[in-house]
Amino acid sequence: HTRPAPTTRAGMEAYNRGDYARAYALLRTASDAGDAEAQVNLGYLYARGHGVAADQDEALRLYSQAARQGSSEGMNALGYKYDHGSGVIPDP
């Protein structure tokens, strides 16, 4: 398992401290640059409504982007949404 890119890592650390505004800014930057791990973690912010308005469609989009890049965490998050019907029609 590789370490996340510095911006992504800093965003995850901010999230873990509860600094959702900083987490959002860092993760959005890394996500927009195509970082799959940032996409998944930004998706968590949207799924949980931490620092942003909850938006299950945006979470799904971000998880899907990460999964298409081969991110196992993105695949897992996407599978969870479909398995549990979290913002989508359940499709186990």
C-alpha atoms as a PDB file:
ATOM      1  CA  HIS A   1       0.000   0.000   0.000  1.00  0.00           C
ATOM      2  CA  THR A   2       1.467   3.334  -1.041  1.00  0.00           C
ATOM      3  CA  ARG A   3       1.333   6.444   1.079  1.00  0.00           C
ATOM      4  CA  PRO A   4      -1.104   9.120  -0.053  1.00  0.00           C
ATOM      5  CA  ALA A   5       0.226  12.187  -1.840  1.00  0.00           C
ATOM      6  CA  PRO A   6       1.174  15.024   0.562  1.00  0.00           C
ATOM      7  CA  THR A   7      -1.918  17.134  -0.160  1.00  0.00           C
ATOM      8  CA  THR A   8      -4.196  14.132   0.232  1.00  0.00           C
ATOM      9  CA  ARG A   9      -2.449  13.064   3.428  1.00  0.00           C
ATOM     10  CA  ALA A  10      -2.758  16.600   4.850  1.00  0.00           C
ATOM     11  CA  GLY A  11      -6.463  16.597   3.931  1.00  0.00           C
ATOM     12  CA  MET A  12      -7.017  13.270   5.658  1.00  0.00           C
ATOM     13  CA  GLU A  13      -5.178  14.510   8.750  1.00  0.00           C
ATOM     14  CA  ALA A  14      -7.329  17.666   8.804  1.00  0.00           C
ATOM     15  CA  TYR A  15     -10.436  15.495   8.527  1.00  0.00           C
ATOM     16  CA  ASN A  16      -9.298  13.333  11.446  1.00  0.00           C
ATOM     17  CA  ARG A  17      -8.826  16.501  13.536  1.00  0.00           C
ATOM     18  CA  GLY A  18     -12.356  17.617  12.672  1.00  0.00           C
ATOM     19  CA  ASP A  19     -11.097  20.531  10.543  1.00  0.00           C
ATOM     20  CA  TYR A  20     -13.540  19.841   7.746  1.00  0.00           C
ATOM     21  CA  ALA A  21     -13.050  23.170   5.948  1.00  0.00           C
ATOM     22  CA  ARG A  22      -9.303  22.540   5.572  1.00  0.00           C
ATOM     23  CA  ALA A  23      -9.931  18.891   4.706  1.00  0.00           C
ATOM     24  CA  TYR A  24     -12.349  19.947   1.975  1.00  0.00           C
ATOM     25  CA  ALA A  25      -9.928  22.481   0.478  1.00  0.00           C
ATOM     26  CA  LEU A  26      -7.005  20.055   0.394  1.00  0.00           C
ATOM     27  CA  LEU A  27      -8.989  17.045  -0.776  1.00  0.00           C
ATOM     28  CA  ARG A  28     -10.827  19.069  -3.463  1.00  0.00           C
ATOM     29  CA  THR A  29      -7.480  20.243  -4.870  1.00  0.00           C
ATOM     30  CA  ALA A  30      -6.029  16.732  -4.941  1.00  0.00           C
ATOM     31  CA  SER A  31      -9.278  15.221  -6.237  1.00  0.00           C
ATOM     32  CA  ASP A  32      -9.483  17.726  -9.085  1.00  0.00           C
ATOM     33  CA  ALA A  33      -5.903  16.757  -9.961  1.00  0.00           C
ATOM     34  CA  GLY A  34      -7.054  13.141 -10.329  1.00  0.00           C
ATOM     35  CA  ASP A  35      -5.841  11.639  -7.036  1.00  0.00           C
ATOM     36  CA  ALA A  36      -8.048   8.569  -6.461  1.00  0.00           C
ATOM     37  CA  GLU A  37      -7.477   8.494  -2.700  1.00  0.00           C
ATOM     38  CA  ALA A  38      -8.480  12.147  -2.449  1.00  0.00           C
ATOM     39  CA  GLN A  39     -11.598  11.407  -4.490  1.00  0.00           C
ATOM     40  CA  VAL A  40     -12.693   8.685  -2.078  1.00  0.00           C
ATOM     41  CA  ASN A  41     -12.023  10.808   0.992  1.00  0.00           C
ATOM     42  CA  LEU A  42     -13.761  13.834  -0.517  1.00  0.00           C
ATOM     43  CA  GLY A  43     -16.656  11.495  -1.246  1.00  0.00           C
ATOM     44  CA  TYR A  44     -16.797  10.659   2.467  1.00  0.00           C
ATOM     45  CA  LEU A  45     -17.200  14.370   3.266  1.00  0.00           C
ATOM     46  CA  TYR A  46     -20.161  14.548   0.894  1.00  0.00           C
ATOM     47  CA  ALA A  47     -21.664  11.250   2.064  1.00  0.00           C
ATOM     48  CA  ARG A  48     -21.501  12.335   5.706  1.00  0.00           C
ATOM     49  CA  GLY A  49     -22.196  16.041   5.279  1.00  0.00           C
ATOM     50  CA  HIS A  50     -18.934  16.994   6.989  1.00  0.00           C
ATOM     51  CA  GLY A  51     -17.933  20.519   5.985  1.00  0.00           C
ATOM     52  CA  VAL A  52     -20.277  20.462   2.991  1.00  0.00           C
ATOM     53  CA  ALA A  53     -23.963  19.858   2.449  1.00  0.00           C
ATOM     54  CA  ALA A  54     -24.583  16.115   2.283  1.00  0.00           C
ATOM     55  CA  ASP A  55     -24.775  15.114  -1.369  1.00  0.00           C
ATOM     56  CA  GLN A  56     -25.048  11.392  -2.066  1.00  0.00           C
ATOM     57  CA  ASP A  57     -24.882  11.929  -5.838  1.00  0.00           C
ATOM     58  CA  GLU A  58     -21.543  13.729  -5.523  1.00  0.00           C
ATOM     59  CA  ALA A  59     -20.239  11.047  -3.168  1.00  0.00           C
ATOM     60  CA  LEU A  60     -21.251   8.391  -5.705  1.00  0.00           C
ATOM     61  CA  ARG A  61     -19.563  10.300  -8.533  1.00  0.00           C
ATOM     62  CA  LEU A  62     -16.320  10.625  -6.561  1.00  0.00           C
ATOM     63  CA  TYR A  63     -16.315   6.979  -5.475  1.00  0.00           C
ATOM     64  CA  SER A  64     -16.915   5.960  -9.101  1.00  0.00           C
ATOM     65  CA  GLN A  65     -14.019   8.097 -10.329  1.00  0.00           C
ATOM     66  CA  ALA A  66     -11.703   6.506  -7.785  1.00  0.00           C
ATOM     67  CA  ALA A  67     -12.953   2.987  -8.570  1.00  0.00           C
ATOM     68  CA  ARG A  68     -12.361   3.511 -12.310  1.00  0.00           C
ATOM     69  CA  GLN A  69      -8.731   4.278 -11.452  1.00  0.00           C
ATOM     70  CA  GLY A  70      -8.419   0.959  -9.639  1.00  0.00           C
ATOM     71  CA  SER A  71      -8.809   2.262  -6.080  1.00  0.00           C
ATOM     72  CA  SER A  72      -9.879  -0.614  -3.851  1.00  0.00           C
ATOM     73  CA  GLU A  73     -11.218   1.879  -1.304  1.00  0.00           C
ATOM     74  CA  GLY A  74     -13.242   3.565  -4.056  1.00  0.00           C
ATOM     75  CA  MET A  75     -14.608   0.169  -5.114  1.00  0.00           C
ATOM     76  CA  ASN A  76     -15.492  -0.644  -1.526  1.00  0.00           C
ATOM     77  CA  ALA A  77     -17.253   2.691  -0.977  1.00  0.00           C
ATOM     78  CA  LEU A  78     -19.167   2.258  -4.228  1.00  0.00           C
ATOM     79  CA  GLY A  79     -20.151  -1.283  -3.274  1.00  0.00           C
ATOM     80  CA  TYR A  80     -21.326  -0.104   0.150  1.00  0.00           C
ATOM     81  CA  LYS A  81     -23.625   2.492  -1.423  1.00  0.00           C
ATOM     82  CA  TYR A  82     -25.240  -0.113  -3.679  1.00  0.00           C
ATOM     83  CA  ASP A  83     -25.354  -2.834  -1.039  1.00  0.00           C
ATOM     84  CA  HIS A  84     -27.032  -0.565   1.522  1.00  0.00           C
ATOM     85  CA  GLY A  85     -29.001   1.684  -0.819  1.00  0.00           C
ATOM     86  CA  SER A  86     -27.183   4.771   0.430  1.00  0.00           C
ATOM     87  CA  GLY A  87     -28.377   7.431  -1.996  1.00  0.00           C
ATOM     88  CA  VAL A  88     -28.991   4.853  -4.725  1.00  0.00           C
ATOM     89  CA  ILE A  89     -31.440   2.073  -5.412  1.00  0.00           C
ATOM     90  CA  PRO A  90     -30.062  -0.990  -3.598  1.00  0.00           C
ATOM     91  CA  ASP A  91     -28.389  -3.419  -5.964  1.00  0.00           C
ATOM     92  CA  PRO A  92     -26.451  -6.096  -4.065  1.00  0.00           C
END
